[in-house]
PDB file of N, CA and C in Angstrom:
ATOM      1  N   MET A   1      69.338 114.350 102.381  1.00  0.00           N
ATOM      2  CA  MET A   1      69.706 113.368 103.375  1.00  0.00           C
ATOM      3  C   MET A   1      68.494 112.707 103.619  1.00  0.00           C
ATOM      4  N   GLU A   2      67.400 113.295 103.877  1.00  0.00           N
ATOM      5  CA  GLU A   2      66.029 112.530 104.153  1.00  0.00           C
ATOM      6  C   GLU A   2      65.614 111.705 103.051  1.00  0.00           C
ATOM      7  N   HIS A   3      65.676 112.099 101.713  1.00  0.00           N
ATOM      8  CA  HIS A   3      65.232 110.963 100.584  1.00  0.00           C
ATOM      9  C   HIS A   3      66.096 109.830 100.552  1.00  0.00           C
ATOM     10  N   ALA A   4      67.480 109.892 100.807  1.00  0.00           N
ATOM     11  CA  ALA A   4      68.245 108.810 100.765  1.00  0.00           C
ATOM     12  C   ALA A   4      68.062 107.898 102.027  1.00  0.00           C
ATOM     13  N   GLN A   5      67.927 108.661 102.990  1.00  0.00           N
ATOM     14  CA  GLN A   5      67.649 107.759 104.389  1.00  0.00           C
ATOM     15  C   GLN A   5      66.191 106.999 104.007  1.00  0.00           C
ATOM     16  N   LEU A   6      65.227 107.720 103.510  1.00  0.00           N
ATOM     17  CA  LEU A   6      63.977 107.003 103.117  1.00  0.00           C
ATOM     18  C   LEU A   6      64.210 105.762 102.226  1.00  0.00           C
ATOM     19  N   ALA A   7      64.934 106.304 101.092  1.00  0.00           N
ATOM     20  CA  ALA A   7      65.412 105.086  99.938  1.00  0.00           C
ATOM     21  C   ALA A   7      65.832 103.849 100.882  1.00  0.00           C
ATOM     22  N   LEU A   8      66.728 104.064 101.906  1.00  0.00           N
ATOM     23  CA  LEU A   8      67.368 103.184 102.317  1.00  0.00           C
ATOM     24  C   LEU A   8      66.427 102.185 103.453  1.00  0.00           C
ATOM     25  N   ARG A   9      65.507 102.931 103.950  1.00  0.00           N
ATOM     26  CA  ARG A   9      64.539 102.059 104.946  1.00  0.00           C
ATOM     27  C   ARG A   9      63.423 101.630 103.932  1.00  0.00           C
ATOM     28  N   LEU A  10      62.893 101.924 102.825  1.00  0.00           N
ATOM     29  CA  LEU A  10      61.776 101.444 102.173  1.00  0.00           C
ATOM     30  C   LEU A  10      62.264 100.128 101.346  1.00  0.00           C
ATOM     31  N   SER A  11      63.764 100.203 100.805  1.00  0.00           N
ATOM     32  CA  SER A  11      64.023  99.232 100.010  1.00  0.00           C
ATOM     33  C   SER A  11      65.727  98.770 100.658  1.00  0.00           C
ATOM     34  N   PRO A  12      65.727  98.289 101.624  1.00  0.00           N
ATOM     35  CA  PRO A  12      67.212  97.842 101.965  1.00  0.00           C
ATOM     36  C   PRO A  12      67.825  96.856 101.130  1.00  0.00           C
ATOM     37  N   PHE A  13      67.095  96.079 100.304  1.00  0.00           N
ATOM     38  CA  PHE A  13      67.815  95.147  99.546  1.00  0.00           C
ATOM     39  C   PHE A  13      67.848  95.639  98.101  1.00  0.00           C
ATOM     40  N   ASP A  14      67.565  96.683  97.789  1.00  0.00           N
ATOM     41  CA  ASP A  14      67.548  97.331  96.457  1.00  0.00           C
ATOM     42  C   ASP A  14      69.031  96.944  95.572  1.00  0.00           C
ATOM     43  N   PRO A  15      68.925  96.386  94.575  1.00  0.00           N
ATOM     44  CA  PRO A  15      70.460  96.333  93.962  1.00  0.00           C
ATOM     45  C   PRO A  15      71.066  97.505  93.733  1.00  0.00           C
ATOM     46  N   LEU A  16      70.180  98.585  93.663  1.00  0.00           N
ATOM     47  CA  LEU A  16      70.914 100.021  93.583  1.00  0.00           C
ATOM     48  C   LEU A  16      71.229 100.795  94.687  1.00  0.00           C
ATOM     49  N   ILE A  17      71.249  99.843  95.813  1.00  0.00           N
ATOM     50  CA  ILE A  17      71.518 100.661  97.281  1.00  0.00           C
ATOM     51  C   ILE A  17      72.661 101.562  97.384  1.00  0.00           C
ATOM     52  N   TYR A  18      73.611 101.150  96.566  1.00  0.00           N
ATOM     53  CA  TYR A  18      74.936 102.071  96.456  1.00  0.00           C
ATOM     54  C   TYR A  18      74.521 103.594  96.431  1.00  0.00           C
ATOM     55  N   LEU A  19      73.510 103.798  95.390  1.00  0.00           N
ATOM     56  CA  LEU A  19      73.266 105.233  95.354  1.00  0.00           C
ATOM     57  C   LEU A  19      72.726 106.193  96.229  1.00  0.00           C
ATOM     58  N   PRO A  20      71.684 105.545  97.202  1.00  0.00           N
ATOM     59  CA  PRO A  20      71.572 106.434  98.131  1.00  0.00           C
ATOM     60  C   PRO A  20      72.603 106.753  99.238  1.00  0.00           C
ATOM     61  N   TYR A  21      73.596 105.698  99.278  1.00  0.00           N
ATOM     62  CA  TYR A  21      74.784 105.890 100.378  1.00  0.00           C
ATOM     63  C   TYR A  21      75.588 106.926  99.594  1.00  0.00           C
ATOM     64  N   VAL A  22      75.693 106.869  98.238  1.00  0.00           N
ATOM     65  CA  VAL A  22      76.531 107.949  97.752  1.00  0.00           C
ATOM     66  C   VAL A  22      75.839 109.248  97.767  1.00  0.00           C
ATOM     67  N   SER A  23      74.691 109.537  97.799  1.00  0.00           N
ATOM     68  CA  SER A  23      73.986 110.800  98.176  1.00  0.00           C
ATOM     69  C   SER A  23      74.026 111.066  99.610  1.00  0.00           C
ATOM     70  N   LEU A  24      74.343 110.176 100.459  1.00  0.00           N
ATOM     71  CA  LEU A  24      74.515 110.634 101.808  1.00  0.00           C
ATOM     72  C   LEU A  24      75.998 110.866 102.268  1.00  0.00           C
ATOM     73  N   ALA A  25      76.737 110.417 101.133  1.00  0.00           N
ATOM     74  CA  ALA A  25      78.329 110.609 101.319  1.00  0.00           C
ATOM     75  C   ALA A  25      78.518 112.191 100.796  1.00  0.00           C
ATOM     76  N   TYR A  26      77.706 112.405  99.592  1.00  0.00           N
ATOM     77  CA  TYR A  26      77.969 114.037  99.097  1.00  0.00           C
ATOM     78  C   TYR A  26      77.364 114.765  99.959  1.00  0.00           C
ATOM     79  N   ALA A  27      76.207 114.570 100.689  1.00  0.00           N
ATOM     80  CA  ALA A  27      75.628 115.399 101.734  1.00  0.00           C
ATOM     81  C   ALA A  27      76.076 115.844 103.147  1.00  0.00           C
ATOM     82  N   HIS A  28      76.825 114.810 103.370  1.00  0.00           N
ATOM     83  CA  HIS A  28      77.535 114.623 104.566  1.00  0.00           C
ATOM     84  C   HIS A  28      78.948 115.257 104.712  1.00  0.00           C
ATOM     85  N   PHE A  29      79.808 115.095 103.161  1.00  0.00           N
ATOM     86  CA  PHE A  29      80.846 115.920 102.938  1.00  0.00           C
ATOM     87  C   PHE A  29      80.564 117.338 102.991  1.00  0.00           C
ATOM     88  N   ALA A  30      79.500 117.703 102.317  1.00  0.00           N
ATOM     89  CA  ALA A  30      79.099 119.453 102.132  1.00  0.00           C
ATOM     90  C   ALA A  30      78.893 119.868 103.592  1.00  0.00           C
ATOM     91  N   ALA A  31      78.326 118.921 104.484  1.00  0.00           N
ATOM     92  CA  ALA A  31      77.977 119.666 105.834  1.00  0.00           C
ATOM     93  C   ALA A  31      79.144 119.350 106.821  1.00  0.00           C
ATOM     94  N   ARG A  32      80.512 118.788 106.155  1.00  0.00           N
ATOM     95  CA  ARG A  32      81.538 118.845 106.766  1.00  0.00           C
ATOM     96  C   ARG A  32      81.651 117.918 107.998  1.00  0.00           C
ATOM     97  N   ARG A  33      80.895 116.747 107.767  1.00  0.00           N
ATOM     98  CA  ARG A  33      80.659 115.736 108.678  1.00  0.00           C
ATOM     99  C   ARG A  33      81.557 114.425 108.075  1.00  0.00           C
ATOM    100  N   PHE A  34      82.925 114.359 108.155  1.00  0.00           N
ATOM    101  CA  PHE A  34      83.577 113.797 107.317  1.00  0.00           C
ATOM    102  C   PHE A  34      83.727 112.090 107.638  1.00  0.00           C
ATOM    103  N   GLU A  35      83.399 112.040 109.241  1.00  0.00           N
ATOM    104  CA  GLU A  35      83.261 110.628 109.468  1.00  0.00           C
ATOM    105  C   GLU A  35      81.796 110.040 108.797  1.00  0.00           C
ATOM    106  N   ASP A  36      81.029 110.439 108.911  1.00  0.00           N
ATOM    107  CA  ASP A  36      79.650 110.027 108.544  1.00  0.00           C
ATOM    108  C   ASP A  36      79.613 110.106 106.894  1.00  0.00           C
ATOM    109  N   ALA A  37      80.788 110.808 106.131  1.00  0.00           N
ATOM    110  CA  ALA A  37      80.663 110.707 104.754  1.00  0.00           C
ATOM    111  C   ALA A  37      81.283 109.625 104.309  1.00  0.00           C
ATOM    112  N   ALA A  38      82.631 109.200 105.204  1.00  0.00           N
ATOM    113  CA  ALA A  38      83.485 108.061 105.050  1.00  0.00           C
ATOM    114  C   ALA A  38      82.831 106.925 105.132  1.00  0.00           C
ATOM    115  N   ALA A  39      81.948 106.889 106.110  1.00  0.00           N
ATOM    116  CA  ALA A  39      80.963 105.439 106.351  1.00  0.00           C
ATOM    117  C   ALA A  39      79.885 105.395 105.412  1.00  0.00           C
ATOM    118  N   ALA A  40      79.334 106.692 104.885  1.00  0.00           N
ATOM    119  CA  ALA A  40      78.508 106.176 103.787  1.00  0.00           C
ATOM    120  C   ALA A  40      79.022 105.977 102.479  1.00  0.00           C
ATOM    121  N   ALA A  41      80.413 106.534 101.940  1.00  0.00           N
ATOM    122  CA  ALA A  41      80.812 106.089 100.886  1.00  0.00           C
ATOM    123  C   ALA A  41      81.501 104.526 101.016  1.00  0.00           C
ATOM    124  N   ASN A  42      81.971 104.275 102.062  1.00  0.00           N
ATOM    125  CA  ASN A  42      82.353 102.822 102.396  1.00  0.00           C
ATOM    126  C   ASN A  42      81.183 101.668 102.128  1.00  0.00           C
ATOM    127  N   ARG A  43      80.036 102.246 102.753  1.00  0.00           N
ATOM    128  CA  ARG A  43      79.047 101.298 102.622  1.00  0.00           C
ATOM    129  C   ARG A  43      78.537 101.138 100.799  1.00  0.00           C
ATOM    130  N   ALA A  44      78.538 102.495 100.127  1.00  0.00           N
ATOM    131  CA  ALA A  44      78.464 102.352  98.903  1.00  0.00           C
ATOM    132  C   ALA A  44      79.320 101.554  97.876  1.00  0.00           C
ATOM    133  N   SER A  45      80.527 101.539  98.679  1.00  0.00           N
ATOM    134  CA  SER A  45      81.869 100.791  98.008  1.00  0.00           C
ATOM    135  C   SER A  45      81.377  99.391  98.261  1.00  0.00           C
ATOM    136  N   GLN A  46      81.133  98.965  99.376  1.00  0.00           N
ATOM    137  CA  GLN A  46      80.964  97.659  99.493  1.00  0.00           C
ATOM    138  C   GLN A  46      79.530  96.964  98.552  1.00  0.00           C
ATOM    139  N   ALA A  47      78.684  97.874  98.480  1.00  0.00           N
ATOM    140  CA  ALA A  47      77.196  97.600  97.391  1.00  0.00           C
ATOM    141  C   ALA A  47      77.717  97.336  96.239  1.00  0.00           C
ATOM    142  N   ASN A  48      78.682  98.276  95.764  1.00  0.00           N
ATOM    143  CA  ASN A  48      78.916  98.426  94.321  1.00  0.00           C
ATOM    144  C   ASN A  48      80.591  98.438  94.075  1.00  0.00           C
ATOM    145  N   PRO A  49      81.571  97.470  94.297  1.00  0.00           N
ATOM    146  CA  PRO A  49      82.847  97.777  94.275  1.00  0.00           C
ATOM    147  C   PRO A  49      83.577  98.329  93.059  1.00  0.00           C
ATOM    148  N   SER A  50      82.738  98.178  91.844  1.00  0.00           N
ATOM    149  CA  SER A  50      83.169  98.759  90.608  1.00  0.00           C
ATOM    150  C   SER A  50      82.782 100.349  90.329  1.00  0.00           C
ATOM    151  N   PHE A  51      82.056 100.728  91.267  1.00  0.00           N
ATOM    152  CA  PHE A  51      81.437 102.039  91.048  1.00  0.00           C
ATOM    153  C   PHE A  51      82.553 103.329  91.575  1.00  0.00           C
ATOM    154  N   SER A  52      83.147 104.016  90.910  1.00  0.00           N
ATOM    155  CA  SER A  52      84.415 105.071  91.560  1.00  0.00           C
ATOM    156  C   SER A  52      84.116 105.913  92.441  1.00  0.00           C
ATOM    157  N   VAL A  53      82.668 106.509  91.999  1.00  0.00           N
ATOM    158  CA  VAL A  53      82.053 107.564  92.993  1.00  0.00           C
ATOM    159  C   VAL A  53      82.543 107.637  94.557  1.00  0.00           C
ATOM    160  N   PRO A  54      82.172 106.288  95.060  1.00  0.00           N
ATOM    161  CA  PRO A  54      82.013 106.433  96.546  1.00  0.00           C
ATOM    162  C   PRO A  54      83.991 106.300  96.884  1.00  0.00           C
ATOM    163  N   CYS A  55      84.594 105.955  96.044  1.00  0.00           N
ATOM    164  CA  CYS A  55      86.067 106.038  96.190  1.00  0.00           C
ATOM    165  C   CYS A  55      86.799 107.318  96.102  1.00  0.00           C
ATOM    166  N   MET A  56      86.157 108.235  95.464  1.00  0.00           N
ATOM    167  CA  MET A  56      86.523 109.481  95.336  1.00  0.00           C
ATOM    168  C   MET A  56      86.221 110.167  96.661  1.00  0.00           C
ATOM    169  N   LEU A  57      84.737 110.136  96.945  1.00  0.00           N
ATOM    170  CA  LEU A  57      84.310 110.732  98.439  1.00  0.00           C
ATOM    171  C   LEU A  57      84.928 110.125  99.612  1.00  0.00           C
ATOM    172  N   HIS A  58      85.186 108.919  99.543  1.00  0.00           N
ATOM    173  CA  HIS A  58      85.774 108.068 100.560  1.00  0.00           C
ATOM    174  C   HIS A  58      87.119 108.984 100.650  1.00  0.00           C
ATOM    175  N   ALA A  59      87.827 108.972  99.663  1.00  0.00           N
ATOM    176  CA  ALA A  59      89.325 109.252  99.827  1.00  0.00           C
ATOM    177  C   ALA A  59      89.072 110.769 100.512  1.00  0.00           C
ATOM    178  N   ALA A  60      88.563 111.609 100.062  1.00  0.00           N
ATOM    179  CA  ALA A  60      88.396 112.980 100.352  1.00  0.00           C
ATOM    180  C   ALA A  60      88.015 113.269 101.576  1.00  0.00           C
ATOM    181  N   ALA A  61      87.131 112.417 102.335  1.00  0.00           N
ATOM    182  CA  ALA A  61      86.618 112.460 103.739  1.00  0.00           C
ATOM    183  C   ALA A  61      87.845 111.736 104.549  1.00  0.00           C
ATOM    184  N   LEU A  62      88.463 111.079 104.107  1.00  0.00           N
ATOM    185  CA  LEU A  62      89.636 110.457 104.979  1.00  0.00           C
ATOM    186  C   LEU A  62      90.665 111.466 104.958  1.00  0.00           C
ATOM    187  N   ALA A  63      90.892 112.112 103.941  1.00  0.00           N
ATOM    188  CA  ALA A  63      91.999 113.132 103.709  1.00  0.00           C
ATOM    189  C   ALA A  63      91.640 114.336 104.877  1.00  0.00           C
ATOM    190  N   GLU A  64      90.299 114.624 104.742  1.00  0.00           N
ATOM    191  CA  GLU A  64      89.849 115.876 105.805  1.00  0.00           C
ATOM    192  C   GLU A  64      89.778 115.304 107.168  1.00  0.00           C
ATOM    193  N   LEU A  65      89.837 114.008 107.426  1.00  0.00           N
ATOM    194  CA  LEU A  65      89.969 113.397 108.933  1.00  0.00           C
ATOM    195  C   LEU A  65      91.624 113.267 109.277  1.00  0.00           C
ATOM    196  N   GLY A  66      92.412 113.599 108.354  1.00  0.00           N
ATOM    197  CA  GLY A  66      93.723 113.641 108.607  1.00  0.00           C
ATOM    198  C   GLY A  66      94.053 112.210 108.729  1.00  0.00           C
ATOM    199  N   ARG A  67      93.313 111.345 107.995  1.00  0.00           N
ATOM    200  CA  ARG A  67      93.818 109.867 107.790  1.00  0.00           C
ATOM    201  C   ARG A  67      94.559 109.879 106.520  1.00  0.00           C
ATOM    202  N   SER A  68      95.814 110.397 106.204  1.00  0.00           N
ATOM    203  CA  SER A  68      96.413 110.475 104.880  1.00  0.00           C
ATOM    204  C   SER A  68      96.801 109.076 104.264  1.00  0.00           C
ATOM    205  N   ASP A  69      97.123 107.985 105.081  1.00  0.00           N
ATOM    206  CA  ASP A  69      97.634 107.022 104.567  1.00  0.00           C
ATOM    207  C   ASP A  69      96.496 106.091 103.918  1.00  0.00           C
ATOM    208  N   ASP A  70      95.208 106.340 104.692  1.00  0.00           N
ATOM    209  CA  ASP A  70      94.301 105.552 104.287  1.00  0.00           C
ATOM    210  C   ASP A  70      93.286 106.441 102.884  1.00  0.00           C
ATOM    211  N   ALA A  71      93.619 107.974 103.162  1.00  0.00           N
ATOM    212  CA  ALA A  71      93.049 108.518 101.731  1.00  0.00           C
ATOM    213  C   ALA A  71      93.713 108.329 100.839  1.00  0.00           C
ATOM    214  N   LYS A  72      95.313 107.883 100.823  1.00  0.00           N
ATOM    215  CA  LYS A  72      96.059 107.736  99.639  1.00  0.00           C
ATOM    216  C   LYS A  72      95.673 106.685  99.173  1.00  0.00           C
ATOM    217  N   ALA A  73      95.254 105.354  99.946  1.00  0.00           N
ATOM    218  CA  ALA A  73      94.938 104.093  99.547  1.00  0.00           C
ATOM    219  C   ALA A  73      93.544 104.224  98.680  1.00  0.00           C
ATOM    220  N   MET A  74      92.731 105.005  99.274  1.00  0.00           N
ATOM    221  CA  MET A  74      91.572 105.029  98.613  1.00  0.00           C
ATOM    222  C   MET A  74      91.610 105.769  97.157  1.00  0.00           C
ATOM    223  N   ALA A  75      92.186 106.911  97.304  1.00  0.00           N
ATOM    224  CA  ALA A  75      92.677 107.594  95.778  1.00  0.00           C
ATOM    225  C   ALA A  75      93.350 106.871  94.934  1.00  0.00           C
ATOM    226  N   GLN A  76      94.130 105.724  95.589  1.00  0.00           N
ATOM    227  CA  GLN A  76      94.892 104.917  94.788  1.00  0.00           C
ATOM    228  C   GLN A  76      93.651 103.995  93.834  1.00  0.00           C
ATOM    229  N   ARG A  77      92.872 103.524  94.817  1.00  0.00           N
ATOM    230  CA  ARG A  77      91.706 102.668  94.436  1.00  0.00           C
ATOM    231  C   ARG A  77      90.857 103.166  93.360  1.00  0.00           C
ATOM    232  N   PHE A  78      90.481 104.704  93.748  1.00  0.00           N
ATOM    233  CA  PHE A  78      89.962 105.468  92.809  1.00  0.00           C
ATOM    234  C   PHE A  78      90.673 105.340  91.214  1.00  0.00           C
ATOM    235  N   LEU A  79      91.995 105.647  91.259  1.00  0.00           N
ATOM    236  CA  LEU A  79      92.640 105.470  89.914  1.00  0.00           C
ATOM    237  C   LEU A  79      92.669 104.374  89.258  1.00  0.00           C
ATOM    238  N   GLU A  80      92.588 103.205  89.995  1.00  0.00           N
ATOM    239  CA  GLU A  80      92.689 101.986  89.346  1.00  0.00           C
ATOM    240  C   GLU A  80      90.979 101.830  88.949  1.00  0.00           C
ATOM    241  N   LEU A  81      90.133 102.249  89.432  1.00  0.00           N
ATOM    242  CA  LEU A  81      88.879 102.289  88.666  1.00  0.00           C
ATOM    243  C   LEU A  81      88.788 103.269  87.567  1.00  0.00           C
ATOM    244  N   GLU A  82      89.432 104.431  87.736  1.00  0.00           N
ATOM    245  CA  GLU A  82      89.300 105.774  86.785  1.00  0.00           C
ATOM    246  C   GLU A  82      90.754 105.940  86.297  1.00  0.00           C
ATOM    247  N   PRO A  83      91.648 105.346  85.560  1.00  0.00           N
ATOM    248  CA  PRO A  83      92.985 105.696  85.537  1.00  0.00           C
ATOM    249  C   PRO A  83      93.114 106.988  84.742  1.00  0.00           C
ATOM    250  N   SER A  84      92.325 107.806  84.168  1.00  0.00           N
ATOM    251  CA  SER A  84      92.565 109.112  83.824  1.00  0.00           C
ATOM    252  C   SER A  84      92.148 110.196  84.564  1.00  0.00           C
ATOM    253  N   ILE A  85      91.539 109.858  85.768  1.00  0.00           N
ATOM    254  CA  ILE A  85      91.010 110.520  86.713  1.00  0.00           C
ATOM    255  C   ILE A  85      92.154 111.813  87.056  1.00  0.00           C
ATOM    256  N   THR A  86      91.540 113.102  87.439  1.00  0.00           N
ATOM    257  CA  THR A  86      92.459 113.966  87.948  1.00  0.00           C
ATOM    258  C   THR A  86      91.560 114.751  88.972  1.00  0.00           C
ATOM    259  N   VAL A  87      92.154 115.491  89.676  1.00  0.00           N
ATOM    260  CA  VAL A  87      91.414 116.536  90.471  1.00  0.00           C
ATOM    261  C   VAL A  87      90.235 117.405  89.833  1.00  0.00           C
ATOM    262  N   SER A  88      90.799 118.051  88.654  1.00  0.00           N
ATOM    263  CA  SER A  88      89.860 118.887  87.677  1.00  0.00           C
ATOM    264  C   SER A  88      88.672 118.149  87.215  1.00  0.00           C
ATOM    265  N   SER A  89      89.147 116.790  86.684  1.00  0.00           N
ATOM    266  CA  SER A  89      87.901 115.987  86.193  1.00  0.00           C
ATOM    267  C   SER A  89      87.031 115.603  87.223  1.00  0.00           C
ATOM    268  N   ALA A  90      87.255 115.164  88.431  1.00  0.00           N
ATOM    269  CA  ALA A  90      86.857 114.417  89.614  1.00  0.00           C
ATOM    270  C   ALA A  90      85.726 115.657  89.699  1.00  0.00           C
ATOM    271  N   ILE A  91      86.268 116.783  90.243  1.00  0.00           N
ATOM    272  CA  ILE A  91      85.440 117.706  90.361  1.00  0.00           C
ATOM    273  C   ILE A  91      84.295 118.320  89.762  1.00  0.00           C
ATOM    274  N   ARG A  92      84.764 118.105  88.298  1.00  0.00           N
ATOM    275  CA  ARG A  92      83.909 118.432  87.267  1.00  0.00           C
ATOM    276  C   ARG A  92      82.521 117.351  87.149  1.00  0.00           C
ATOM    277  N   SER A  93      82.904 116.387  87.646  1.00  0.00           N
ATOM    278  CA  SER A  93      81.627 115.183  87.425  1.00  0.00           C
ATOM    279  C   SER A  93      81.193 114.944  88.890  1.00  0.00           C
ATOM    280  N   ALA A  94      81.566 115.851  89.944  1.00  0.00           N
ATOM    281  CA  ALA A  94      80.875 115.932  91.056  1.00  0.00           C
ATOM    282  C   ALA A  94      79.575 116.344  91.363  1.00  0.00           C
ATOM    283  N   ARG A  95      78.839 116.203  92.215  1.00  0.00           N
ATOM    284  CA  ARG A  95      77.312 116.719  92.246  1.00  0.00           C
ATOM    285  C   ARG A  95      77.221 117.836  92.949  1.00  0.00           C
ATOM    286  N   TYR A  96      78.122 118.677  92.984  1.00  0.00           N
ATOM    287  CA  TYR A  96      78.000 119.990  93.800  1.00  0.00           C
ATOM    288  C   TYR A  96      77.857 121.242  92.884  1.00  0.00           C
ATOM    289  N   GLU A  97      77.062 121.948  93.300  1.00  0.00           N
ATOM    290  CA  GLU A  97      77.036 123.331  92.478  1.00  0.00           C
ATOM    291  C   GLU A  97      77.245 124.432  93.492  1.00  0.00           C
ATOM    292  N   ASN A  98      77.548 124.131  94.495  1.00  0.00           N
ATOM    293  CA  ASN A  98      78.019 125.295  95.512  1.00  0.00           C
ATOM    294  C   ASN A  98      79.661 125.496  95.277  1.00  0.00           C
ATOM    295  N   PRO A  99      80.180 126.540  94.822  1.00  0.00           N
ATOM    296  CA  PRO A  99      81.584 126.594  94.790  1.00  0.00           C
ATOM    297  C   PRO A  99      82.508 126.312  96.052  1.00  0.00           C
ATOM    298  N   GLU A 100      81.714 126.481  97.021  1.00  0.00           N
ATOM    299  CA  GLU A 100      82.440 126.240  98.497  1.00  0.00           C
ATOM    300  C   GLU A 100      82.678 124.945  98.570  1.00  0.00           C
ATOM    301  N   ASN A 101      81.638 123.928  98.220  1.00  0.00           N
ATOM    302  CA  ASN A 101      81.659 122.594  98.054  1.00  0.00           C
ATOM    303  C   ASN A 101      82.493 121.824  96.951  1.00  0.00           C
ATOM    304  N   ILE A 102      82.513 122.679  95.996  1.00  0.00           N
ATOM    305  CA  ILE A 102      83.581 122.175  94.840  1.00  0.00           C
ATOM    306  C   ILE A 102      84.989 122.221  95.223  1.00  0.00           C
ATOM    307  N   ALA A 103      85.364 123.482  95.832  1.00  0.00           N
ATOM    308  CA  ALA A 103      86.763 123.934  96.356  1.00  0.00           C
ATOM    309  C   ALA A 103      87.206 122.998  97.419  1.00  0.00           C
ATOM    310  N   ALA A 104      86.160 122.865  98.488  1.00  0.00           N
ATOM    311  CA  ALA A 104      86.612 121.650  99.557  1.00  0.00           C
ATOM    312  C   ALA A 104      86.975 120.247  98.932  1.00  0.00           C
ATOM    313  N   LEU A 105      85.996 119.927  98.161  1.00  0.00           N
ATOM    314  CA  LEU A 105      86.045 118.531  97.572  1.00  0.00           C
ATOM    315  C   LEU A 105      87.506 118.562  96.858  1.00  0.00           C
ATOM    316  N   GLY A 106      87.682 119.610  95.609  1.00  0.00           N
ATOM    317  CA  GLY A 106      88.980 119.584  95.393  1.00  0.00           C
ATOM    318  C   GLY A 106      90.185 119.833  96.113  1.00  0.00           C
ATOM    319  N   SER A 107      90.224 120.564  97.381  1.00  0.00           N
ATOM    320  CA  SER A 107      91.227 120.615  97.967  1.00  0.00           C
ATOM    321  C   SER A 107      91.501 119.031  98.995  1.00  0.00           C
ATOM    322  N   ALA A 108      90.561 118.570  99.342  1.00  0.00           N
ATOM    323  CA  ALA A 108      90.632 117.009  99.840  1.00  0.00           C
ATOM    324  C   ALA A 108      91.056 116.222  99.039  1.00  0.00           C
ATOM    325  N   LEU A 109      90.839 116.245  97.903  1.00  0.00           N
ATOM    326  CA  LEU A 109      91.272 115.108  96.732  1.00  0.00           C
ATOM    327  C   LEU A 109      92.822 115.319  96.484  1.00  0.00           C
ATOM    328  N   ARG A 110      93.185 116.620  96.641  1.00  0.00           N
ATOM    329  CA  ARG A 110      94.749 116.973  96.247  1.00  0.00           C
ATOM    330  C   ARG A 110      95.448 116.366  97.474  1.00  0.00           C
ATOM    331  N   LYS A 111      94.823 116.639  98.820  1.00  0.00           N
ATOM    332  CA  LYS A 111      95.492 116.151 100.017  1.00  0.00           C
ATOM    333  C   LYS A 111      95.553 114.558  99.917  1.00  0.00           C
ATOM    334  N   ALA A 112      94.636 114.104  99.485  1.00  0.00           N
ATOM    335  CA  ALA A 112      94.615 112.515  99.089  1.00  0.00           C
ATOM    336  C   ALA A 112      95.685 111.788  98.168  1.00  0.00           C
ATOM    337  N   GLY A 113      96.413 112.853  97.401  1.00  0.00           N
ATOM    338  CA  GLY A 113      97.217 112.618  96.568  1.00  0.00           C
ATOM    339  C   GLY A 113      96.584 112.334  95.172  1.00  0.00           C
ATOM    340  N   LEU A 114      95.484 112.889  94.589  1.00  0.00           N
ATOM    341  CA  LEU A 114      94.805 112.434  93.433  1.00  0.00           C
ATOM    342  C   LEU A 114      95.755 113.743  92.256  1.00  0.00           C
ATOM    343  N   PRO A 115      96.204 113.060  91.205  1.00  0.00           N
ATOM    344  CA  PRO A 115      96.740 114.213  90.279  1.00  0.00           C
ATOM    345  C   PRO A 115      96.164 115.129  90.076  1.00  0.00           C
ATOM    346  N   GLU A 116      96.704 116.140  89.713  1.00  0.00           N
ATOM    347  CA  GLU A 116      96.322 117.526  89.553  1.00  0.00           C
ATOM    348  C   GLU A 116      95.637 117.464  87.952  1.00  0.00           C
ATOM    349  N   THR A 117      96.432 117.375  87.229  1.00  0.00           N
ATOM    350  CA  THR A 117      96.097 117.010  85.695  1.00  0.00           C
ATOM    351  C   THR A 117      96.457 115.525  84.955  1.00  0.00           C
TER     352      THR A 117
END
C-alpha cells in the first residue's frame, strides 16, 4: 500500500494512475477492508474505463459489503469488458499468491454473479 500511495502522491496526473489504484484495491481486499477496496477500484475504473481488473475487484468488494445489486451490475460490466471471463479464469489472473486471498476473491465473485465456468 505504501508504494501505491507514494506513486499517487508523486505523480497524480500520470496517465497510468489507474495502476496504483488497482494495487490499492487488491491490498484493501486482502486486508478485508472492502469499503476501501471498492473506492480504490472505482477510482481505477474512472481513470481507465476499458481496463477490466478494477471491475472485478469492485464487484468482489461490493459483494462482500452485501451490496448485491451493485455487485451484480459491476460483474455485468466486467463481463462486457471480458465476455469469456469466469470465476476460475478471474482468480487465475488475480495478483494473489495466498490461497486464502484467492478463495476469498473467488467466493466474492460468485456472490457477485460471475459465472463459474
